[in-house]
Amino acid sequence: MPYAYLLPTLVLLVVLMVVPIVMVIGYSLRDGAITARTSHFIGLHNYIEILTGADFRNALSNTFWFVSVSVVAHMLIGLGFAMLLNSESVSRITKTIFRTLFVLPWLLTIAIVAILWRLLLNPNGIVNAILSGIGLVSSQHEWLADPGSALVVVTCINIWSGYPFFMISILAGLQGIPRDLYEAAEVDGAGPIRRFWSITIPQLRPIIVSMALLDLIWTSQQFALIWMTTGGGPLSATEMLSTFTYKLAFSEYDFSGASASAVIVLLLSMILAFFYVRSQKARD
């Protein structure tokens, strides 16, 4: 009886996940023409070609920088805003207003976020107007078309759109910490900094670790934001593993190479997923 209830979900998982993954792995082991009549088995040649290519290394480097900076910034900003909203020195009305403003980026879809920031960073947009007005940049600066600034700008956009998830999770954790711990530490003479490092951080560590691993998985697979803002350019300055794989398949029509790249991304994601599941078991 239990297997009968699980059968519809298991069928969907097999059809929508297992079968496509097996097909992609099979494509990655064949040459560029992946149709059954014209392709032939070439083993790990596609993997070797992808891993030794300069374009893949550039995409991997950009992805590592993008993911690491985004996750650290999400954690720090989310922790700071969560502590602000949890502070007793802030009135209830102020907390409500700030909570609405801080959560707003998370309510927008990636498409809206990309279009919004493209308008703001337009050469005639408000960002250039403000910065040129105070003399920091020259007027009509191409933020997303400048190879020197495009990766930093895209990372900042991702940070802005993703920190509310950390903030809400950490805020829930802060509200679950017993006040008795802080009162006992204050009686023992512990100051605010000591209470933060000895009580707040240890109590939040399981949440922070779990959220960081989840954010690593999600951010490493970010595609829509990059594609809709820079398309991986200019000059591959914002090329990520996701956009690199997409271009191999649908721009260069190298489906076997794109399949090999996708399998590599899958393996990296599985490693992160393994540590996430392990951390969840340790937390339980």
C-alpha atoms as a PDB file:
ATOM      1  CA  MET A   1       0.000   0.000   0.000  1.00  0.00           C
ATOM      2  CA  PRO A   2       2.721   2.606   0.803  1.00  0.00           C
ATOM      3  CA  TYR A   3       4.387   1.960  -2.564  1.00  0.00           C
ATOM      4  CA  ALA A   4       1.050   2.407  -4.331  1.00  0.00           C
ATOM      5  CA  TYR A   5       0.739   5.903  -2.820  1.00  0.00           C
ATOM      6  CA  LEU A   6       4.335   6.716  -3.787  1.00  0.00           C
ATOM      7  CA  LEU A   7       4.033   5.339  -7.316  1.00  0.00           C
ATOM      8  CA  PRO A   8       2.736   8.542  -9.057  1.00  0.00           C
ATOM      9  CA  THR A   9       5.558  10.616  -7.585  1.00  0.00           C
ATOM     10  CA  LEU A  10       8.151   7.964  -8.396  1.00  0.00           C
ATOM     11  CA  VAL A  11       6.947   7.804 -12.008  1.00  0.00           C
ATOM     12  CA  LEU A  12       7.235  11.589 -12.333  1.00  0.00           C
ATOM     13  CA  LEU A  13      10.742  11.530 -10.847  1.00  0.00           C
ATOM     14  CA  VAL A  14      11.844   8.823 -13.257  1.00  0.00           C
ATOM     15  CA  VAL A  15      10.312  10.498 -16.320  1.00  0.00           C
ATOM     16  CA  LEU A  16      11.303  14.090 -15.508  1.00  0.00           C
ATOM     17  CA  MET A  17      14.665  13.541 -13.786  1.00  0.00           C
ATOM     18  CA  VAL A  18      16.212  10.096 -14.099  1.00  0.00           C
ATOM     19  CA  VAL A  19      15.566   9.616 -17.825  1.00  0.00           C
ATOM     20  CA  PRO A  20      16.834  13.101 -18.880  1.00  0.00           C
ATOM     21  CA  ILE A  21      19.955  12.737 -16.709  1.00  0.00           C
ATOM     22  CA  VAL A  22      20.756   9.331 -18.209  1.00  0.00           C
ATOM     23  CA  MET A  23      20.195  10.748 -21.721  1.00  0.00           C
ATOM     24  CA  VAL A  24      22.501  13.715 -21.068  1.00  0.00           C
ATOM     25  CA  ILE A  25      25.212  11.411 -19.708  1.00  0.00           C
ATOM     26  CA  GLY A  26      24.851   9.296 -22.844  1.00  0.00           C
ATOM     27  CA  TYR A  27      25.106  12.374 -25.090  1.00  0.00           C
ATOM     28  CA  SER A  28      28.243  13.494 -23.265  1.00  0.00           C
ATOM     29  CA  LEU A  29      29.998  10.255 -24.260  1.00  0.00           C
ATOM     30  CA  ARG A  30      29.307  10.692 -27.984  1.00  0.00           C
ATOM     31  CA  ASP A  31      30.493  13.089 -30.654  1.00  0.00           C
ATOM     32  CA  GLY A  32      28.865  16.384 -31.650  1.00  0.00           C
ATOM     33  CA  ALA A  33      26.140  14.775 -33.708  1.00  0.00           C
ATOM     34  CA  ILE A  34      24.019  13.154 -31.029  1.00  0.00           C
ATOM     35  CA  THR A  35      21.426  11.536 -33.270  1.00  0.00           C
ATOM     36  CA  ALA A  36      21.546   7.773 -33.044  1.00  0.00           C
ATOM     37  CA  ARG A  37      22.409   7.104 -36.704  1.00  0.00           C
ATOM     38  CA  THR A  38      25.288   9.552 -37.108  1.00  0.00           C
ATOM     39  CA  SER A  39      26.975   9.714 -33.695  1.00  0.00           C
ATOM     40  CA  HIS A  40      29.519   7.323 -32.296  1.00  0.00           C
ATOM     41  CA  PHE A  41      30.988   6.637 -28.879  1.00  0.00           C
ATOM     42  CA  ILE A  42      34.101   8.691 -28.026  1.00  0.00           C
ATOM     43  CA  GLY A  43      34.383   8.094 -24.272  1.00  0.00           C
ATOM     44  CA  LEU A  44      35.655  10.910 -22.100  1.00  0.00           C
ATOM     45  CA  HIS A  45      36.946  13.030 -24.973  1.00  0.00           C
ATOM     46  CA  ASN A  46      34.262  15.704 -24.451  1.00  0.00           C
ATOM     47  CA  TYR A  47      35.072  15.958 -20.745  1.00  0.00           C
ATOM     48  CA  ILE A  48      38.787  16.348 -21.430  1.00  0.00           C
ATOM     49  CA  GLU A  49      38.112  18.989 -24.060  1.00  0.00           C
ATOM     50  CA  ILE A  50      35.781  20.931 -21.761  1.00  0.00           C
ATOM     51  CA  LEU A  51      38.004  20.750 -18.673  1.00  0.00           C
ATOM     52  CA  THR A  52      41.136  21.806 -20.563  1.00  0.00           C
ATOM     53  CA  GLY A  53      39.447  24.649 -22.456  1.00  0.00           C
ATOM     54  CA  ALA A  54      40.173  28.257 -21.535  1.00  0.00           C
ATOM     55  CA  ASP A  55      36.503  29.219 -21.830  1.00  0.00           C
ATOM     56  CA  PHE A  56      35.453  26.636 -19.242  1.00  0.00           C
ATOM     57  CA  ARG A  57      38.180  27.723 -16.828  1.00  0.00           C
ATOM     58  CA  ASN A  58      37.082  31.341 -17.231  1.00  0.00           C
ATOM     59  CA  ALA A  59      33.457  30.395 -16.580  1.00  0.00           C
ATOM     60  CA  LEU A  60      34.487  28.327 -13.547  1.00  0.00           C
ATOM     61  CA  SER A  61      36.565  31.213 -12.158  1.00  0.00           C
ATOM     62  CA  ASN A  62      33.735  33.705 -12.649  1.00  0.00           C
ATOM     63  CA  THR A  63      31.239  31.308 -11.070  1.00  0.00           C
ATOM     64  CA  PHE A  64      33.489  30.758  -8.042  1.00  0.00           C
ATOM     65  CA  TRP A  65      33.896  34.501  -7.514  1.00  0.00           C
ATOM     66  CA  PHE A  66      30.206  35.188  -8.085  1.00  0.00           C
ATOM     67  CA  VAL A  67      29.052  32.429  -5.730  1.00  0.00           C
ATOM     68  CA  SER A  68      31.546  33.017  -2.907  1.00  0.00           C
ATOM     69  CA  VAL A  69      31.016  36.783  -2.731  1.00  0.00           C
ATOM     70  CA  SER A  70      27.229  36.437  -3.007  1.00  0.00           C
ATOM     71  CA  VAL A  71      26.936  33.824  -0.260  1.00  0.00           C
ATOM     72  CA  VAL A  72      29.167  35.719   2.181  1.00  0.00           C
ATOM     73  CA  ALA A  73      27.345  38.992   1.498  1.00  0.00           C
ATOM     74  CA  HIS A  74      23.942  37.312   1.843  1.00  0.00           C
ATOM     75  CA  MET A  75      24.956  35.925   5.221  1.00  0.00           C
ATOM     76  CA  LEU A  76      26.416  39.169   6.600  1.00  0.00           C
ATOM     77  CA  ILE A  77      23.647  41.456   5.332  1.00  0.00           C
ATOM     78  CA  GLY A  78      20.926  39.007   6.333  1.00  0.00           C
ATOM     79  CA  LEU A  79      22.413  38.636   9.821  1.00  0.00           C
ATOM     80  CA  GLY A  80      22.745  42.401  10.264  1.00  0.00           C
ATOM     81  CA  PHE A  81      19.176  43.179   9.175  1.00  0.00           C
ATOM     82  CA  ALA A  82      17.776  40.251  11.180  1.00  0.00           C
ATOM     83  CA  MET A  83      19.450  41.519  14.341  1.00  0.00           C
ATOM     84  CA  LEU A  84      18.095  45.011  13.621  1.00  0.00           C
ATOM     85  CA  LEU A  85      14.555  43.684  13.267  1.00  0.00           C
ATOM     86  CA  ASN A  86      14.973  41.571  16.412  1.00  0.00           C
ATOM     87  CA  SER A  87      16.321  44.442  18.501  1.00  0.00           C
ATOM     88  CA  GLU A  88      14.170  45.622  21.393  1.00  0.00           C
ATOM     89  CA  SER A  89      15.368  49.196  20.900  1.00  0.00           C
ATOM     90  CA  VAL A  90      13.459  49.458  17.612  1.00  0.00           C
ATOM     91  CA  SER A  91       9.742  50.245  17.849  1.00  0.00           C
ATOM     92  CA  ARG A  92       7.091  47.901  16.494  1.00  0.00           C
ATOM     93  CA  ILE A  93       6.009  50.319  13.751  1.00  0.00           C
ATOM     94  CA  THR A  94       9.600  50.828  12.606  1.00  0.00           C
ATOM     95  CA  LYS A  95      10.156  47.082  12.518  1.00  0.00           C
ATOM     96  CA  THR A  96       7.062  46.626  10.353  1.00  0.00           C
ATOM     97  CA  ILE A  97       8.201  49.289   7.884  1.00  0.00           C
ATOM     98  CA  PHE A  98      11.763  47.948   7.724  1.00  0.00           C
ATOM     99  CA  ARG A  99      10.573  44.355   7.402  1.00  0.00           C
ATOM    100  CA  THR A 100       8.469  45.313   4.382  1.00  0.00           C
ATOM    101  CA  LEU A 101      11.322  47.241   2.746  1.00  0.00           C
ATOM    102  CA  PHE A 102      13.923  44.560   3.425  1.00  0.00           C
ATOM    103  CA  VAL A 103      11.762  41.700   2.113  1.00  0.00           C
ATOM    104  CA  LEU A 104      10.713  43.571  -1.041  1.00  0.00           C
ATOM    105  CA  PRO A 105      13.638  42.380  -3.269  1.00  0.00           C
ATOM    106  CA  TRP A 106      12.750  38.768  -2.514  1.00  0.00           C
ATOM    107  CA  LEU A 107       9.167  39.265  -3.734  1.00  0.00           C
ATOM    108  CA  LEU A 108      10.300  40.248  -7.229  1.00  0.00           C
ATOM    109  CA  THR A 109      10.961  37.633  -9.905  1.00  0.00           C
ATOM    110  CA  ILE A 110      14.403  37.395 -11.466  1.00  0.00           C
ATOM    111  CA  ALA A 111      13.060  38.819 -14.724  1.00  0.00           C
ATOM    112  CA  ILE A 112      11.730  41.915 -12.968  1.00  0.00           C
ATOM    113  CA  VAL A 113      14.972  42.300 -11.009  1.00  0.00           C
ATOM    114  CA  ALA A 114      17.040  42.119 -14.207  1.00  0.00           C
ATOM    115  CA  ILE A 115      14.871  44.628 -16.075  1.00  0.00           C
ATOM    116  CA  LEU A 116      14.730  46.964 -13.077  1.00  0.00           C
ATOM    117  CA  TRP A 117      18.505  47.089 -12.662  1.00  0.00           C
ATOM    118  CA  ARG A 118      19.113  47.413 -16.390  1.00  0.00           C
ATOM    119  CA  LEU A 119      16.955  50.541 -16.291  1.00  0.00           C
ATOM    120  CA  LEU A 120      18.690  51.859 -13.170  1.00  0.00           C
ATOM    121  CA  LEU A 121      22.171  51.202 -14.625  1.00  0.00           C
ATOM    122  CA  ASN A 122      21.301  52.562 -18.041  1.00  0.00           C
ATOM    123  CA  PRO A 123      23.759  55.252 -19.253  1.00  0.00           C
ATOM    124  CA  ASN A 124      20.909  57.737 -18.790  1.00  0.00           C
ATOM    125  CA  GLY A 125      19.597  56.028 -15.648  1.00  0.00           C
ATOM    126  CA  ILE A 126      19.315  57.242 -12.103  1.00  0.00           C
ATOM    127  CA  VAL A 127      22.509  55.536 -10.871  1.00  0.00           C
ATOM    128  CA  ASN A 128      24.676  57.453 -13.329  1.00  0.00           C
ATOM    129  CA  ALA A 129      22.740  60.637 -12.576  1.00  0.00           C
ATOM    130  CA  ILE A 130      23.425  60.356  -8.838  1.00  0.00           C
ATOM    131  CA  LEU A 131      27.070  59.269  -9.107  1.00  0.00           C
ATOM    132  CA  SER A 132      27.931  61.854 -11.761  1.00  0.00           C
ATOM    133  CA  GLY A 133      26.193  64.518  -9.707  1.00  0.00           C
ATOM    134  CA  ILE A 134      28.583  63.924  -6.795  1.00  0.00           C
ATOM    135  CA  GLY A 135      31.578  63.531  -9.107  1.00  0.00           C
ATOM    136  CA  LEU A 136      32.311  59.810  -8.634  1.00  0.00           C
ATOM    137  CA  VAL A 137      31.896  58.769 -12.276  1.00  0.00           C
ATOM    138  CA  SER A 138      31.609  60.400 -15.632  1.00  0.00           C
ATOM    139  CA  SER A 139      28.139  60.703 -17.094  1.00  0.00           C
ATOM    140  CA  GLN A 140      26.626  57.842 -19.115  1.00  0.00           C
ATOM    141  CA  HIS A 141      28.897  55.103 -17.775  1.00  0.00           C
ATOM    142  CA  GLU A 142      28.148  51.644 -19.239  1.00  0.00           C
ATOM    143  CA  TRP A 143      28.107  49.546 -16.061  1.00  0.00           C
ATOM    144  CA  LEU A 144      26.923  46.273 -17.628  1.00  0.00           C
ATOM    145  CA  ALA A 145      28.913  46.743 -20.844  1.00  0.00           C
ATOM    146  CA  ASP A 146      32.236  47.457 -19.119  1.00  0.00           C
ATOM    147  CA  PRO A 147      34.378  44.284 -18.763  1.00  0.00           C
ATOM    148  CA  GLY A 148      36.008  45.754 -15.671  1.00  0.00           C
ATOM    149  CA  SER A 149      32.784  46.341 -13.752  1.00  0.00           C
ATOM    150  CA  ALA A 150      30.194  43.957 -15.210  1.00  0.00           C
ATOM    151  CA  LEU A 151      30.965  40.999 -12.907  1.00  0.00           C
ATOM    152  CA  VAL A 152      30.972  43.173  -9.792  1.00  0.00           C
ATOM    153  CA  VAL A 153      27.708  44.844 -10.785  1.00  0.00           C
ATOM    154  CA  VAL A 154      25.955  41.539 -11.541  1.00  0.00           C
ATOM    155  CA  THR A 155      27.164  40.152  -8.213  1.00  0.00           C
ATOM    156  CA  CYS A 156      25.778  43.200  -6.388  1.00  0.00           C
ATOM    157  CA  ILE A 157      22.421  42.724  -8.120  1.00  0.00           C
ATOM    158  CA  ASN A 158      22.340  39.087  -7.030  1.00  0.00           C
ATOM    159  CA  ILE A 159      23.229  40.091  -3.469  1.00  0.00           C
ATOM    160  CA  TRP A 160      20.418  42.654  -3.425  1.00  0.00           C
ATOM    161  CA  SER A 161      17.851  40.151  -4.656  1.00  0.00           C
ATOM    162  CA  GLY A 162      18.935  37.256  -2.428  1.00  0.00           C
ATOM    163  CA  TYR A 163      19.725  38.571   1.061  1.00  0.00           C
ATOM    164  CA  PRO A 164      16.056  38.615   2.294  1.00  0.00           C
ATOM    165  CA  PHE A 165      16.009  34.804   2.317  1.00  0.00           C
ATOM    166  CA  PHE A 166      18.903  34.773   4.789  1.00  0.00           C
ATOM    167  CA  MET A 167      17.347  37.603   6.779  1.00  0.00           C
ATOM    168  CA  ILE A 168      13.996  35.862   7.275  1.00  0.00           C
ATOM    169  CA  SER A 169      15.601  32.537   8.225  1.00  0.00           C
ATOM    170  CA  ILE A 170      18.049  34.095  10.681  1.00  0.00           C
ATOM    171  CA  LEU A 171      15.305  36.288  12.149  1.00  0.00           C
ATOM    172  CA  ALA A 172      13.255  33.168  12.870  1.00  0.00           C
ATOM    173  CA  GLY A 173      16.314  31.637  14.539  1.00  0.00           C
ATOM    174  CA  LEU A 174      16.933  34.750  16.636  1.00  0.00           C
ATOM    175  CA  GLN A 175      13.372  34.778  17.877  1.00  0.00           C
ATOM    176  CA  GLY A 176      13.768  31.152  18.943  1.00  0.00           C
ATOM    177  CA  ILE A 177      16.775  31.806  21.214  1.00  0.00           C
ATOM    178  CA  PRO A 178      15.673  31.797  24.879  1.00  0.00           C
ATOM    179  CA  ARG A 179      16.006  35.183  26.543  1.00  0.00           C
ATOM    180  CA  ASP A 180      17.213  33.421  29.701  1.00  0.00           C
ATOM    181  CA  LEU A 181      20.592  32.794  28.052  1.00  0.00           C
ATOM    182  CA  TYR A 182      21.166  36.508  27.451  1.00  0.00           C
ATOM    183  CA  GLU A 183      19.959  37.448  30.930  1.00  0.00           C
ATOM    184  CA  ALA A 184      22.256  34.887  32.574  1.00  0.00           C
ATOM    185  CA  ALA A 185      25.217  36.075  30.492  1.00  0.00           C
ATOM    186  CA  GLU A 186      24.467  39.704  31.358  1.00  0.00           C
ATOM    187  CA  VAL A 187      24.366  38.838  35.058  1.00  0.00           C
ATOM    188  CA  ASP A 188      27.779  37.190  34.680  1.00  0.00           C
ATOM    189  CA  GLY A 189      29.125  40.443  33.218  1.00  0.00           C
ATOM    190  CA  ALA A 190      29.195  39.551  29.529  1.00  0.00           C
ATOM    191  CA  GLY A 191      28.960  42.554  27.215  1.00  0.00           C
ATOM    192  CA  PRO A 192      27.041  42.768  23.916  1.00  0.00           C
ATOM    193  CA  ILE A 193      29.978  41.527  21.831  1.00  0.00           C
ATOM    194  CA  ARG A 194      30.642  38.607  24.172  1.00  0.00           C
ATOM    195  CA  ARG A 195      26.953  37.648  24.163  1.00  0.00           C
ATOM    196  CA  PHE A 196      26.919  37.797  20.363  1.00  0.00           C
ATOM    197  CA  TRP A 197      29.891  35.434  19.923  1.00  0.00           C
ATOM    198  CA  SER A 198      29.055  33.105  22.827  1.00  0.00           C
ATOM    199  CA  ILE A 199      25.258  32.848  22.498  1.00  0.00           C
ATOM    200  CA  THR A 200      23.907  34.229  19.213  1.00  0.00           C
ATOM    201  CA  ILE A 201      26.380  32.669  16.786  1.00  0.00           C
ATOM    202  CA  PRO A 202      26.426  29.169  18.413  1.00  0.00           C
ATOM    203  CA  GLN A 203      22.622  29.117  18.501  1.00  0.00           C
ATOM    204  CA  LEU A 204      22.395  30.215  14.855  1.00  0.00           C
ATOM    205  CA  ARG A 205      25.200  27.994  13.547  1.00  0.00           C
ATOM    206  CA  PRO A 206      22.923  25.147  12.289  1.00  0.00           C
ATOM    207  CA  ILE A 207      20.718  27.640  10.440  1.00  0.00           C
ATOM    208  CA  ILE A 208      23.671  29.543   8.988  1.00  0.00           C
ATOM    209  CA  VAL A 209      25.383  26.366   7.761  1.00  0.00           C
ATOM    210  CA  SER A 210      22.200  25.010   6.178  1.00  0.00           C
ATOM    211  CA  MET A 211      21.339  28.324   4.502  1.00  0.00           C
ATOM    212  CA  ALA A 212      24.908  28.799   3.258  1.00  0.00           C
ATOM    213  CA  LEU A 213      24.947  25.359   1.600  1.00  0.00           C
ATOM    214  CA  LEU A 214      21.527  25.939   0.034  1.00  0.00           C
ATOM    215  CA  ASP A 215      22.645  29.336  -1.218  1.00  0.00           C
ATOM    216  CA  LEU A 216      25.795  27.790  -2.699  1.00  0.00           C
ATOM    217  CA  ILE A 217      23.669  25.344  -4.687  1.00  0.00           C
ATOM    218  CA  TRP A 218      21.178  27.967  -5.881  1.00  0.00           C
ATOM    219  CA  THR A 219      23.699  30.671  -6.720  1.00  0.00           C
ATOM    220  CA  SER A 220      26.014  28.294  -8.597  1.00  0.00           C
ATOM    221  CA  GLN A 221      23.103  27.508 -10.936  1.00  0.00           C
ATOM    222  CA  GLN A 222      22.013  31.114 -11.453  1.00  0.00           C
ATOM    223  CA  PHE A 223      21.188  31.610 -15.122  1.00  0.00           C
ATOM    224  CA  ALA A 224      18.251  33.957 -15.660  1.00  0.00           C
ATOM    225  CA  LEU A 225      19.817  36.969 -13.938  1.00  0.00           C
ATOM    226  CA  ILE A 226      23.096  36.675 -15.853  1.00  0.00           C
ATOM    227  CA  TRP A 227      21.410  36.004 -19.183  1.00  0.00           C
ATOM    228  CA  MET A 228      18.953  38.895 -18.892  1.00  0.00           C
ATOM    229  CA  THR A 229      21.520  41.461 -17.747  1.00  0.00           C
ATOM    230  CA  THR A 230      24.750  40.715 -19.620  1.00  0.00           C
ATOM    231  CA  GLY A 231      24.250  37.429 -21.476  1.00  0.00           C
ATOM    232  CA  GLY A 232      27.637  36.304 -20.175  1.00  0.00           C
ATOM    233  CA  GLY A 233      29.437  39.306 -21.666  1.00  0.00           C
ATOM    234  CA  PRO A 234      31.036  41.625 -22.314  1.00  0.00           C
ATOM    235  CA  LEU A 235      34.017  39.629 -23.593  1.00  0.00           C
ATOM    236  CA  SER A 236      32.985  36.699 -21.346  1.00  0.00           C
ATOM    237  CA  ALA A 237      33.517  38.880 -18.265  1.00  0.00           C
ATOM    238  CA  THR A 238      30.351  37.484 -16.631  1.00  0.00           C
ATOM    239  CA  GLU A 239      30.356  34.045 -18.245  1.00  0.00           C
ATOM    240  CA  MET A 240      29.120  31.463 -15.735  1.00  0.00           C
ATOM    241  CA  LEU A 241      28.954  27.694 -15.973  1.00  0.00           C
ATOM    242  CA  SER A 242      25.228  27.938 -16.677  1.00  0.00           C
ATOM    243  CA  THR A 243      25.557  30.442 -19.536  1.00  0.00           C
ATOM    244  CA  PHE A 244      28.629  28.612 -20.872  1.00  0.00           C
ATOM    245  CA  THR A 245      26.655  25.371 -21.101  1.00  0.00           C
ATOM    246  CA  TYR A 246      23.670  27.105 -22.682  1.00  0.00           C
ATOM    247  CA  LYS A 247      25.798  28.763 -25.362  1.00  0.00           C
ATOM    248  CA  LEU A 248      27.528  25.486 -26.196  1.00  0.00           C
ATOM    249  CA  ALA A 249      24.171  23.859 -26.857  1.00  0.00           C
ATOM    250  CA  PHE A 250      22.091  26.591 -28.477  1.00  0.00           C
ATOM    251  CA  SER A 251      24.653  28.976 -29.964  1.00  0.00           C
ATOM    252  CA  GLU A 252      27.411  26.611 -31.120  1.00  0.00           C
ATOM    253  CA  TYR A 253      25.126  23.552 -31.411  1.00  0.00           C
ATOM    254  CA  ASP A 254      27.730  21.413 -29.664  1.00  0.00           C
ATOM    255  CA  PHE A 255      25.204  19.315 -27.782  1.00  0.00           C
ATOM    256  CA  SER A 256      27.665  16.633 -26.735  1.00  0.00           C
ATOM    257  CA  GLY A 257      30.045  19.231 -25.295  1.00  0.00           C
ATOM    258  CA  ALA A 258      27.139  20.988 -23.580  1.00  0.00           C
ATOM    259  CA  SER A 259      26.041  17.639 -22.139  1.00  0.00           C
ATOM    260  CA  ALA A 260      29.539  17.055 -20.738  1.00  0.00           C
ATOM    261  CA  SER A 261      29.531  20.534 -19.210  1.00  0.00           C
ATOM    262  CA  ALA A 262      26.077  19.906 -17.730  1.00  0.00           C
ATOM    263  CA  VAL A 263      27.245  16.628 -16.186  1.00  0.00           C
ATOM    264  CA  ILE A 264      30.214  18.434 -14.598  1.00  0.00           C
ATOM    265  CA  VAL A 265      27.849  21.046 -13.136  1.00  0.00           C
ATOM    266  CA  LEU A 266      25.623  18.210 -11.900  1.00  0.00           C
ATOM    267  CA  LEU A 267      28.557  16.552 -10.125  1.00  0.00           C
ATOM    268  CA  LEU A 268      29.531  19.818  -8.447  1.00  0.00           C
ATOM    269  CA  SER A 269      25.930  20.340  -7.339  1.00  0.00           C
ATOM    270  CA  MET A 270      25.772  16.781  -5.998  1.00  0.00           C
ATOM    271  CA  ILE A 271      28.848  17.425  -3.858  1.00  0.00           C
ATOM    272  CA  LEU A 272      27.200  20.508  -2.359  1.00  0.00           C
ATOM    273  CA  ALA A 273      23.945  18.578  -1.903  1.00  0.00           C
ATOM    274  CA  PHE A 274      25.826  15.804  -0.095  1.00  0.00           C
ATOM    275  CA  PHE A 275      27.230  18.262   2.451  1.00  0.00           C
ATOM    276  CA  TYR A 276      23.801  19.882   2.830  1.00  0.00           C
ATOM    277  CA  VAL A 277      22.108  16.560   3.601  1.00  0.00           C
ATOM    278  CA  ARG A 278      24.933  15.679   5.961  1.00  0.00           C
ATOM    279  CA  SER A 279      24.544  18.980   7.818  1.00  0.00           C
ATOM    280  CA  GLN A 280      20.776  18.430   8.078  1.00  0.00           C
ATOM    281  CA  LYS A 281      21.312  14.975   9.589  1.00  0.00           C
ATOM    282  CA  ALA A 282      23.803  16.387  12.064  1.00  0.00           C
ATOM    283  CA  ARG A 283      21.350  19.150  12.949  1.00  0.00           C
ATOM    284  CA  ASP A 284      18.545  16.632  13.540  1.00  0.00           C
END
